[in-house]
């Protein structure tokens, strides 16, 4: 059971290095992970990684096919969706991107990448009021200032401590989430 995951972990590790040689290595291990996948979620994950590697290599038709296959295996795969939507939006395939987003929503898929890409497609199509409704600030956004937890003097002190801890964190580096 660990074998397909291990191949996928290697593919993701190579992908994170962001070099052409490592993108080719990513492709090799993503294909292995896909071949050895034991369930649709593993297949989709491997194909999403493969799609990213192929995109970086400029093999966009192959990338699109891999990403579409990933979403056929698991329509909820956020990485596959994000990468496919990015290809469509960049290519100007706005109606296709919007129709695909609407199809996934109709099938019960709903995540921020899907909702965001849908709003971008609507905006680029100059359907501004629909884009505003799709963003749904009136439905999804709630804003208020929280009180400081009992262990903190005030909210400013808490925020300063959180910022300091985040800046010291060893995983903080350029281009990380």
N, C-alpha and C. Protein backbone atom coordinates (compact mmCIF):
# COMPACT_ATOMS: atom_id res chain seq x y z
N UNK A 1 0.82 -1.20 0.00
CA UNK A 1 0.00 0.00 0.00
C UNK A 1 0.86 1.26 0.00
N UNK A 2 2.05 1.19 0.57
CA UNK A 2 2.89 2.38 0.65
C UNK A 2 3.56 2.69 -0.69
N UNK A 3 3.68 1.70 -1.58
CA UNK A 3 4.42 1.89 -2.81
C UNK A 3 3.89 3.01 -3.71
N UNK A 4 2.58 3.05 -4.01
CA UNK A 4 2.12 4.17 -4.86
C UNK A 4 2.28 5.52 -4.16
N UNK A 5 2.08 5.54 -2.85
CA UNK A 5 2.26 6.80 -2.12
C UNK A 5 3.72 7.22 -2.17
N UNK A 6 4.64 6.27 -2.02
CA UNK A 6 6.07 6.60 -2.05
C UNK A 6 6.45 7.18 -3.41
N UNK A 7 5.97 6.58 -4.48
CA UNK A 7 6.27 7.11 -5.81
C UNK A 7 5.68 8.51 -5.96
N UNK A 8 4.48 8.71 -5.42
CA UNK A 8 3.86 10.03 -5.51
C UNK A 8 4.63 11.04 -4.66
N UNK A 9 5.08 10.64 -3.49
CA UNK A 9 5.88 11.55 -2.65
C UNK A 9 7.15 11.97 -3.39
N UNK A 10 7.80 11.01 -4.06
CA UNK A 10 9.00 11.35 -4.83
C UNK A 10 8.66 12.33 -5.96
N UNK A 11 7.55 12.07 -6.64
CA UNK A 11 7.14 12.97 -7.72
C UNK A 11 6.93 14.38 -7.18
N UNK A 12 6.24 14.50 -6.06
CA UNK A 12 5.98 15.82 -5.46
C UNK A 12 7.28 16.48 -5.01
N UNK A 13 8.20 15.69 -4.48
CA UNK A 13 9.49 16.25 -4.04
C UNK A 13 10.25 16.82 -5.24
N UNK A 14 10.30 16.07 -6.33
CA UNK A 14 10.96 16.57 -7.53
C UNK A 14 10.23 17.80 -8.08
N UNK A 15 8.91 17.78 -8.06
CA UNK A 15 8.13 18.92 -8.55
C UNK A 15 8.48 20.19 -7.79
N UNK A 16 8.69 20.06 -6.50
CA UNK A 16 8.96 21.23 -5.66
C UNK A 16 10.32 21.87 -5.96
N UNK A 17 11.19 21.14 -6.62
CA UNK A 17 12.52 21.69 -6.93
C UNK A 17 12.48 22.67 -8.09
N UNK A 18 11.46 22.58 -8.93
CA UNK A 18 11.20 23.56 -9.99
C UNK A 18 12.35 23.74 -10.97
N UNK A 19 12.91 22.64 -11.42
CA UNK A 19 13.91 22.70 -12.49
C UNK A 19 13.43 21.82 -13.64
N UNK A 20 13.86 22.10 -14.86
CA UNK A 20 13.44 21.25 -15.98
C UNK A 20 13.79 19.77 -15.79
N UNK A 21 14.99 19.50 -15.29
CA UNK A 21 15.39 18.10 -15.07
C UNK A 21 14.48 17.45 -14.02
N UNK A 22 14.15 18.19 -12.98
CA UNK A 22 13.29 17.62 -11.95
C UNK A 22 11.84 17.49 -12.42
N UNK A 23 11.42 18.34 -13.34
CA UNK A 23 10.08 18.18 -13.92
C UNK A 23 10.00 16.87 -14.70
N UNK A 24 11.08 16.50 -15.38
CA UNK A 24 11.11 15.21 -16.09
C UNK A 24 11.12 14.05 -15.10
N UNK A 25 11.84 14.21 -14.00
CA UNK A 25 11.83 13.17 -12.95
C UNK A 25 10.44 13.06 -12.32
N UNK A 26 9.81 14.20 -12.14
CA UNK A 26 8.44 14.21 -11.62
C UNK A 26 7.54 13.37 -12.52
N UNK A 27 7.67 13.59 -13.81
CA UNK A 27 6.84 12.84 -14.76
C UNK A 27 7.03 11.33 -14.59
N UNK A 28 8.27 10.89 -14.47
CA UNK A 28 8.56 9.46 -14.32
C UNK A 28 7.86 8.91 -13.08
N UNK A 29 8.05 9.56 -11.94
CA UNK A 29 7.49 9.02 -10.71
C UNK A 29 5.98 9.20 -10.62
N UNK A 30 5.44 10.24 -11.24
CA UNK A 30 3.98 10.40 -11.26
C UNK A 30 3.35 9.29 -12.09
N UNK A 31 4.00 8.91 -13.19
CA UNK A 31 3.48 7.81 -14.01
C UNK A 31 3.53 6.49 -13.24
N UNK A 32 4.60 6.27 -12.50
CA UNK A 32 4.71 5.07 -11.66
C UNK A 32 3.61 5.07 -10.61
N UNK A 33 3.42 6.21 -9.95
CA UNK A 33 2.38 6.32 -8.92
C UNK A 33 1.01 6.05 -9.51
N UNK A 34 0.77 6.55 -10.72
CA UNK A 34 -0.52 6.32 -11.37
C UNK A 34 -0.70 4.84 -11.70
N UNK A 35 0.34 4.20 -12.24
CA UNK A 35 0.25 2.78 -12.59
C UNK A 35 -0.01 1.90 -11.36
N UNK A 36 0.57 2.27 -10.23
CA UNK A 36 0.46 1.45 -9.02
C UNK A 36 -0.68 1.89 -8.10
N UNK A 37 -1.40 2.93 -8.49
CA UNK A 37 -2.47 3.45 -7.64
C UNK A 37 -3.50 2.36 -7.34
N UNK A 38 -3.98 2.36 -6.12
CA UNK A 38 -4.91 1.33 -5.67
C UNK A 38 -6.34 1.81 -5.58
N UNK A 39 -6.55 3.12 -5.80
CA UNK A 39 -7.91 3.65 -5.70
C UNK A 39 -7.99 4.95 -6.50
N UNK A 40 -9.20 5.42 -6.75
CA UNK A 40 -9.36 6.64 -7.57
C UNK A 40 -8.68 7.88 -7.00
N UNK A 41 -8.64 8.01 -5.70
CA UNK A 41 -8.01 9.19 -5.09
C UNK A 41 -6.51 9.19 -5.36
N UNK A 42 -5.86 8.03 -5.22
CA UNK A 42 -4.43 7.94 -5.54
C UNK A 42 -4.18 8.20 -7.02
N UNK A 43 -5.05 7.64 -7.89
CA UNK A 43 -4.89 7.87 -9.33
C UNK A 43 -5.01 9.35 -9.65
N UNK A 44 -6.01 10.00 -9.08
CA UNK A 44 -6.22 11.42 -9.34
C UNK A 44 -5.03 12.25 -8.85
N UNK A 45 -4.52 11.95 -7.69
CA UNK A 45 -3.38 12.69 -7.16
C UNK A 45 -2.15 12.56 -8.04
N UNK A 46 -1.89 11.33 -8.49
CA UNK A 46 -0.74 11.10 -9.37
C UNK A 46 -0.92 11.83 -10.69
N UNK A 47 -2.13 11.78 -11.24
CA UNK A 47 -2.39 12.45 -12.52
C UNK A 47 -2.33 13.97 -12.38
N UNK A 48 -2.75 14.50 -11.25
CA UNK A 48 -2.65 15.95 -11.03
C UNK A 48 -1.18 16.38 -11.00
N UNK A 49 -0.35 15.59 -10.35
CA UNK A 49 1.09 15.89 -10.31
C UNK A 49 1.69 15.75 -11.70
N UNK A 50 1.30 14.71 -12.42
CA UNK A 50 1.77 14.53 -13.79
C UNK A 50 1.36 15.72 -14.65
N UNK A 51 0.13 16.16 -14.50
CA UNK A 51 -0.34 17.32 -15.27
C UNK A 51 0.50 18.55 -15.04
N UNK A 52 0.88 18.78 -13.79
CA UNK A 52 1.72 19.95 -13.48
C UNK A 52 3.09 19.81 -14.13
N UNK A 53 3.68 18.61 -14.06
CA UNK A 53 5.00 18.40 -14.67
C UNK A 53 4.93 18.58 -16.18
N UNK A 54 3.88 18.07 -16.81
CA UNK A 54 3.73 18.22 -18.25
C UNK A 54 3.51 19.68 -18.64
N UNK A 55 2.75 20.40 -17.83
CA UNK A 55 2.54 21.83 -18.08
C UNK A 55 3.87 22.57 -18.06
N UNK A 56 4.67 22.29 -17.07
CA UNK A 56 5.98 22.96 -16.98
C UNK A 56 6.88 22.63 -18.16
N UNK A 57 6.67 21.45 -18.75
CA UNK A 57 7.47 21.05 -19.90
C UNK A 57 6.89 21.59 -21.21
N UNK A 58 5.79 22.33 -21.11
CA UNK A 58 5.18 22.91 -22.30
C UNK A 58 4.33 21.92 -23.09
N UNK A 59 4.04 20.79 -22.53
CA UNK A 59 3.25 19.75 -23.19
C UNK A 59 1.79 19.90 -22.74
N UNK A 60 1.17 20.97 -23.20
CA UNK A 60 -0.12 21.39 -22.66
C UNK A 60 -1.27 20.45 -23.00
N UNK A 61 -1.29 19.89 -24.19
CA UNK A 61 -2.37 18.96 -24.54
C UNK A 61 -2.30 17.71 -23.66
N UNK A 62 -1.08 17.20 -23.45
CA UNK A 62 -0.91 16.04 -22.57
C UNK A 62 -1.28 16.39 -21.14
N UNK A 63 -0.89 17.58 -20.72
CA UNK A 63 -1.20 18.02 -19.36
C UNK A 63 -2.70 18.09 -19.17
N UNK A 64 -3.38 18.69 -20.14
CA UNK A 64 -4.83 18.83 -20.06
C UNK A 64 -5.49 17.46 -19.97
N UNK A 65 -5.01 16.50 -20.77
CA UNK A 65 -5.57 15.15 -20.75
C UNK A 65 -5.36 14.48 -19.39
N UNK A 66 -4.16 14.65 -18.83
CA UNK A 66 -3.88 14.06 -17.52
C UNK A 66 -4.76 14.67 -16.43
N UNK A 67 -4.94 15.98 -16.48
CA UNK A 67 -5.75 16.66 -15.47
C UNK A 67 -7.23 16.30 -15.61
N UNK A 68 -7.70 16.18 -16.85
CA UNK A 68 -9.09 15.77 -17.07
C UNK A 68 -9.30 14.34 -16.56
N UNK A 69 -8.32 13.47 -16.80
CA UNK A 69 -8.41 12.10 -16.30
C UNK A 69 -8.39 12.07 -14.77
N UNK A 70 -7.60 12.95 -14.17
CA UNK A 70 -7.57 13.04 -12.70
C UNK A 70 -8.95 13.40 -12.17
N UNK A 71 -9.60 14.36 -12.81
CA UNK A 71 -10.92 14.78 -12.34
C UNK A 71 -12.00 13.75 -12.67
N UNK A 72 -11.78 12.94 -13.69
CA UNK A 72 -12.70 11.83 -13.96
C UNK A 72 -12.58 10.79 -12.85
N UNK A 73 -11.37 10.58 -12.35
CA UNK A 73 -11.15 9.62 -11.27
C UNK A 73 -11.67 10.16 -9.94
N UNK A 74 -11.44 11.44 -9.69
CA UNK A 74 -11.88 12.07 -8.44
C UNK A 74 -12.24 13.53 -8.72
N UNK A 75 -13.52 13.81 -8.93
CA UNK A 75 -13.94 15.18 -9.27
C UNK A 75 -13.63 16.19 -8.17
N UNK A 76 -13.30 15.72 -6.97
CA UNK A 76 -13.03 16.62 -5.85
C UNK A 76 -11.54 16.98 -5.72
N UNK A 77 -10.68 16.47 -6.60
CA UNK A 77 -9.24 16.74 -6.49
C UNK A 77 -8.97 18.21 -6.79
N UNK A 78 -8.63 18.97 -5.76
CA UNK A 78 -8.44 20.41 -5.87
C UNK A 78 -7.25 20.78 -6.75
N UNK A 79 -6.15 20.03 -6.62
CA UNK A 79 -4.96 20.36 -7.42
C UNK A 79 -5.22 20.14 -8.90
N UNK A 80 -5.87 19.04 -9.25
CA UNK A 80 -6.18 18.78 -10.65
C UNK A 80 -7.09 19.88 -11.19
N UNK A 81 -8.10 20.25 -10.40
CA UNK A 81 -9.02 21.28 -10.87
C UNK A 81 -8.29 22.62 -11.05
N UNK A 82 -7.52 23.00 -10.05
CA UNK A 82 -6.80 24.29 -10.12
C UNK A 82 -5.93 24.35 -11.36
N UNK A 83 -5.22 23.27 -11.63
CA UNK A 83 -4.29 23.25 -12.76
C UNK A 83 -5.03 23.24 -14.10
N UNK A 84 -6.12 22.50 -14.19
CA UNK A 84 -6.90 22.48 -15.43
C UNK A 84 -7.57 23.84 -15.66
N UNK A 85 -8.14 24.41 -14.62
CA UNK A 85 -8.77 25.72 -14.76
C UNK A 85 -7.75 26.77 -15.18
N UNK A 86 -6.55 26.70 -14.63
CA UNK A 86 -5.50 27.66 -15.01
C UNK A 86 -5.16 27.54 -16.50
N UNK A 87 -5.08 26.31 -16.99
CA UNK A 87 -4.81 26.12 -18.42
C UNK A 87 -5.93 26.72 -19.27
N UNK A 88 -7.18 26.44 -18.89
CA UNK A 88 -8.33 26.95 -19.65
C UNK A 88 -8.39 28.47 -19.60
N UNK A 89 -8.22 29.04 -18.42
CA UNK A 89 -8.30 30.50 -18.29
C UNK A 89 -7.18 31.18 -19.06
N UNK A 90 -6.00 30.62 -18.99
CA UNK A 90 -4.86 31.20 -19.71
C UNK A 90 -5.06 31.10 -21.22
N UNK A 91 -5.68 30.01 -21.67
CA UNK A 91 -5.91 29.82 -23.11
C UNK A 91 -7.11 30.62 -23.61
N UNK A 92 -7.83 31.26 -22.69
CA UNK A 92 -9.00 32.02 -23.10
C UNK A 92 -10.23 31.16 -23.34
N UNK A 93 -10.20 29.93 -22.88
CA UNK A 93 -11.34 29.02 -23.03
C UNK A 93 -12.32 29.28 -21.87
N UNK A 94 -12.86 30.48 -21.85
CA UNK A 94 -13.64 30.94 -20.70
C UNK A 94 -14.98 30.22 -20.58
N UNK A 95 -15.68 30.07 -21.68
CA UNK A 95 -16.97 29.37 -21.63
C UNK A 95 -16.77 27.92 -21.20
N UNK A 96 -15.73 27.28 -21.72
CA UNK A 96 -15.43 25.90 -21.34
C UNK A 96 -15.12 25.81 -19.85
N UNK A 97 -14.32 26.74 -19.36
CA UNK A 97 -13.98 26.75 -17.94
C UNK A 97 -15.22 26.95 -17.09
N UNK A 98 -16.07 27.85 -17.50
CA UNK A 98 -17.30 28.12 -16.76
C UNK A 98 -18.24 26.92 -16.80
N UNK A 99 -18.41 26.32 -17.96
CA UNK A 99 -19.29 25.15 -18.08
C UNK A 99 -18.78 23.98 -17.25
N UNK A 100 -17.45 23.79 -17.25
CA UNK A 100 -16.89 22.69 -16.46
C UNK A 100 -17.10 22.95 -14.96
N UNK A 101 -16.88 24.19 -14.54
CA UNK A 101 -17.12 24.54 -13.13
C UNK A 101 -18.57 24.30 -12.76
N UNK A 102 -19.48 24.73 -13.61
CA UNK A 102 -20.91 24.54 -13.33
C UNK A 102 -21.27 23.06 -13.28
N UNK A 103 -20.65 22.26 -14.17
CA UNK A 103 -20.90 20.82 -14.16
C UNK A 103 -20.44 20.19 -12.85
N UNK A 104 -19.26 20.56 -12.39
CA UNK A 104 -18.76 20.01 -11.12
C UNK A 104 -19.65 20.44 -9.95
N UNK A 105 -20.06 21.69 -9.95
CA UNK A 105 -20.94 22.16 -8.87
C UNK A 105 -22.25 21.37 -8.88
N UNK A 106 -22.80 21.12 -10.06
CA UNK A 106 -24.03 20.33 -10.18
C UNK A 106 -23.85 18.91 -9.67
N UNK A 107 -22.61 18.42 -9.73
CA UNK A 107 -22.31 17.06 -9.23
C UNK A 107 -21.91 17.05 -7.76
N UNK A 108 -22.04 18.20 -7.10
CA UNK A 108 -21.79 18.26 -5.66
C UNK A 108 -20.39 18.65 -5.25
N UNK A 109 -19.57 19.06 -6.20
CA UNK A 109 -18.21 19.51 -5.88
C UNK A 109 -18.28 20.98 -5.52
N UNK A 110 -17.58 21.37 -4.49
CA UNK A 110 -17.56 22.76 -4.09
C UNK A 110 -16.35 23.06 -3.23
N UNK A 111 -15.38 23.74 -3.79
CA UNK A 111 -14.21 24.17 -3.02
C UNK A 111 -13.79 25.54 -3.52
N UNK A 112 -12.91 26.18 -2.80
CA UNK A 112 -12.56 27.57 -3.10
C UNK A 112 -11.92 27.73 -4.48
N UNK A 113 -11.13 26.76 -4.91
CA UNK A 113 -10.50 26.88 -6.22
C UNK A 113 -11.55 26.85 -7.33
N UNK A 114 -12.56 26.04 -7.16
CA UNK A 114 -13.65 25.95 -8.13
C UNK A 114 -14.45 27.25 -8.15
N UNK A 115 -14.81 27.72 -6.98
CA UNK A 115 -15.59 28.96 -6.90
C UNK A 115 -14.79 30.15 -7.42
N UNK A 116 -13.50 30.19 -7.11
CA UNK A 116 -12.65 31.28 -7.57
C UNK A 116 -12.48 31.28 -9.08
N UNK A 117 -12.23 30.12 -9.66
CA UNK A 117 -12.05 30.04 -11.11
C UNK A 117 -13.35 30.40 -11.83
N UNK A 118 -14.46 30.00 -11.25
CA UNK A 118 -15.76 30.35 -11.84
C UNK A 118 -15.94 31.87 -11.86
N UNK A 119 -15.62 32.52 -10.76
CA UNK A 119 -15.73 33.98 -10.69
C UNK A 119 -14.79 34.66 -11.67
N UNK A 120 -13.59 34.13 -11.83
CA UNK A 120 -12.63 34.71 -12.79
C UNK A 120 -13.17 34.58 -14.21
N UNK A 121 -13.68 33.40 -14.54
CA UNK A 121 -14.22 33.20 -15.89
C UNK A 121 -15.37 34.17 -16.16
N UNK A 122 -16.27 34.31 -15.19
CA UNK A 122 -17.39 35.25 -15.35
C UNK A 122 -16.90 36.68 -15.54
N UNK A 123 -15.90 37.06 -14.77
CA UNK A 123 -15.35 38.42 -14.88
C UNK A 123 -14.74 38.64 -16.25
N UNK A 124 -13.94 37.68 -16.71
CA UNK A 124 -13.30 37.82 -18.03
C UNK A 124 -14.34 37.83 -19.15
N UNK A 125 -15.49 37.21 -18.90
CA UNK A 125 -16.58 37.24 -19.88
C UNK A 125 -17.43 38.51 -19.75
N UNK A 126 -17.00 39.43 -18.88
CA UNK A 126 -17.70 40.69 -18.63
C UNK A 126 -19.09 40.48 -18.03
N UNK A 127 -19.29 39.38 -17.35
CA UNK A 127 -20.55 39.11 -16.67
C UNK A 127 -20.36 39.47 -15.19
N UNK A 128 -20.20 40.74 -14.96
CA UNK A 128 -19.74 41.28 -13.68
C UNK A 128 -20.72 40.99 -12.54
N UNK A 129 -21.99 41.21 -12.76
CA UNK A 129 -22.96 40.96 -11.68
C UNK A 129 -22.98 39.48 -11.31
N UNK A 130 -22.88 38.60 -12.29
CA UNK A 130 -22.82 37.17 -12.00
C UNK A 130 -21.54 36.82 -11.24
N UNK A 131 -20.44 37.49 -11.60
CA UNK A 131 -19.18 37.26 -10.90
C UNK A 131 -19.28 37.70 -9.45
N UNK A 132 -19.90 38.84 -9.23
CA UNK A 132 -20.09 39.31 -7.84
C UNK A 132 -20.92 38.31 -7.05
N UNK A 133 -21.97 37.82 -7.66
CA UNK A 133 -22.82 36.83 -6.98
C UNK A 133 -22.04 35.54 -6.72
N UNK A 134 -21.19 35.15 -7.69
CA UNK A 134 -20.40 33.93 -7.53
C UNK A 134 -19.41 34.05 -6.38
N UNK A 135 -18.82 35.23 -6.23
CA UNK A 135 -17.88 35.44 -5.12
C UNK A 135 -18.63 35.32 -3.80
N UNK A 136 -19.83 35.83 -3.76
CA UNK A 136 -20.71 35.62 -2.62
C UNK A 136 -20.28 36.27 -1.33
N UNK A 137 -19.71 37.46 -1.40
CA UNK A 137 -19.29 38.12 -0.17
C UNK A 137 -20.45 38.26 0.82
N UNK A 138 -21.64 38.50 0.29
CA UNK A 138 -22.79 38.64 1.18
C UNK A 138 -23.14 37.32 1.87
N UNK A 139 -22.79 36.18 1.25
CA UNK A 139 -23.09 34.87 1.84
C UNK A 139 -21.93 34.28 2.62
N UNK A 140 -20.69 34.51 2.15
CA UNK A 140 -19.54 33.80 2.70
C UNK A 140 -18.67 34.61 3.64
N UNK A 141 -18.77 35.92 3.61
CA UNK A 141 -17.87 36.75 4.40
C UNK A 141 -18.56 37.27 5.65
N UNK A 142 -17.90 37.04 6.76
CA UNK A 142 -18.34 37.62 8.03
C UNK A 142 -17.13 38.29 8.63
N UNK A 143 -17.28 39.51 9.01
CA UNK A 143 -16.14 40.27 9.52
C UNK A 143 -16.48 40.87 10.87
N UNK A 144 -15.61 40.62 11.83
CA UNK A 144 -15.71 41.27 13.12
C UNK A 144 -14.37 41.11 13.83
N UNK A 145 -14.08 41.98 14.75
CA UNK A 145 -12.84 41.92 15.51
C UNK A 145 -13.06 41.04 16.72
N UNK A 146 -12.16 40.08 16.87
CA UNK A 146 -12.25 39.16 17.99
C UNK A 146 -11.59 39.76 19.22
N UNK A 147 -12.01 39.33 20.35
CA UNK A 147 -11.36 39.73 21.61
C UNK A 147 -10.11 38.90 21.80
N UNK A 148 -9.17 39.46 22.55
CA UNK A 148 -7.94 38.72 22.85
C UNK A 148 -8.28 37.55 23.78
N UNK A 149 -7.63 36.40 23.59
CA UNK A 149 -7.83 35.28 24.52
C UNK A 149 -7.38 35.67 25.93
N UNK A 150 -7.88 35.00 26.94
CA UNK A 150 -7.57 35.38 28.33
C UNK A 150 -6.07 35.46 28.65
N UNK A 151 -5.25 34.67 27.99
CA UNK A 151 -3.81 34.67 28.30
C UNK A 151 -3.07 35.86 27.72
N UNK A 152 -3.74 36.71 26.94
CA UNK A 152 -3.08 37.82 26.27
C UNK A 152 -3.61 39.15 26.78
N UNK A 153 -2.71 40.10 26.88
CA UNK A 153 -3.05 41.43 27.36
C UNK A 153 -4.08 42.11 26.45
N UNK A 154 -3.81 42.05 25.14
CA UNK A 154 -4.74 42.63 24.17
C UNK A 154 -4.50 41.97 22.82
N UNK A 155 -5.33 42.30 21.85
CA UNK A 155 -5.24 41.69 20.52
C UNK A 155 -3.94 42.05 19.82
N UNK A 156 -3.44 43.26 20.01
CA UNK A 156 -2.18 43.67 19.38
C UNK A 156 -1.02 42.81 19.87
N UNK A 157 -1.00 42.49 21.16
CA UNK A 157 0.07 41.65 21.71
C UNK A 157 -0.01 40.23 21.14
N UNK A 158 -1.22 39.70 21.02
CA UNK A 158 -1.41 38.38 20.43
C UNK A 158 -0.94 38.38 18.97
N UNK A 159 -1.36 39.37 18.20
CA UNK A 159 -0.97 39.45 16.79
C UNK A 159 0.55 39.57 16.64
N UNK A 160 1.19 40.33 17.48
CA UNK A 160 2.64 40.48 17.42
C UNK A 160 3.34 39.15 17.72
N UNK A 161 2.84 38.42 18.70
CA UNK A 161 3.43 37.12 19.04
C UNK A 161 3.23 36.11 17.91
N UNK A 162 2.06 36.11 17.31
CA UNK A 162 1.79 35.20 16.20
C UNK A 162 2.70 35.54 15.02
N UNK A 163 2.83 36.82 14.70
CA UNK A 163 3.69 37.23 13.58
C UNK A 163 5.14 36.82 13.84
N UNK A 164 5.61 37.02 15.06
CA UNK A 164 6.99 36.64 15.39
C UNK A 164 7.20 35.14 15.23
N UNK A 165 6.26 34.36 15.72
CA UNK A 165 6.38 32.91 15.59
C UNK A 165 6.36 32.47 14.13
N UNK A 166 5.49 33.06 13.33
CA UNK A 166 5.42 32.70 11.91
C UNK A 166 6.72 33.05 11.19
N UNK A 167 7.29 34.20 11.48
CA UNK A 167 8.53 34.60 10.81
C UNK A 167 9.72 33.73 11.21
N UNK A 168 9.66 33.15 12.39
CA UNK A 168 10.75 32.28 12.86
C UNK A 168 10.57 30.84 12.38
N UNK A 169 9.40 30.48 11.87
CA UNK A 169 9.11 29.10 11.53
C UNK A 169 10.07 28.60 10.44
N UNK A 170 10.62 27.38 10.62
CA UNK A 170 11.61 26.87 9.65
C UNK A 170 11.05 26.61 8.26
N UNK A 171 9.76 26.44 8.13
CA UNK A 171 9.18 26.20 6.81
C UNK A 171 8.89 27.47 6.04
N UNK A 172 9.12 28.63 6.65
CA UNK A 172 8.87 29.89 5.95
C UNK A 172 10.02 30.16 5.00
N UNK A 173 9.70 30.16 3.72
CA UNK A 173 10.69 30.49 2.70
C UNK A 173 9.95 30.99 1.48
N UNK A 174 10.66 31.52 0.55
CA UNK A 174 10.06 32.09 -0.65
C UNK A 174 9.12 31.11 -1.32
N UNK A 175 7.96 31.59 -1.75
CA UNK A 175 7.01 30.86 -2.56
C UNK A 175 6.38 29.66 -1.86
N UNK A 176 6.30 29.69 -0.54
CA UNK A 176 5.62 28.62 0.20
C UNK A 176 4.24 29.10 0.59
N UNK A 177 3.32 28.18 0.72
CA UNK A 177 1.97 28.53 1.18
C UNK A 177 2.01 28.77 2.68
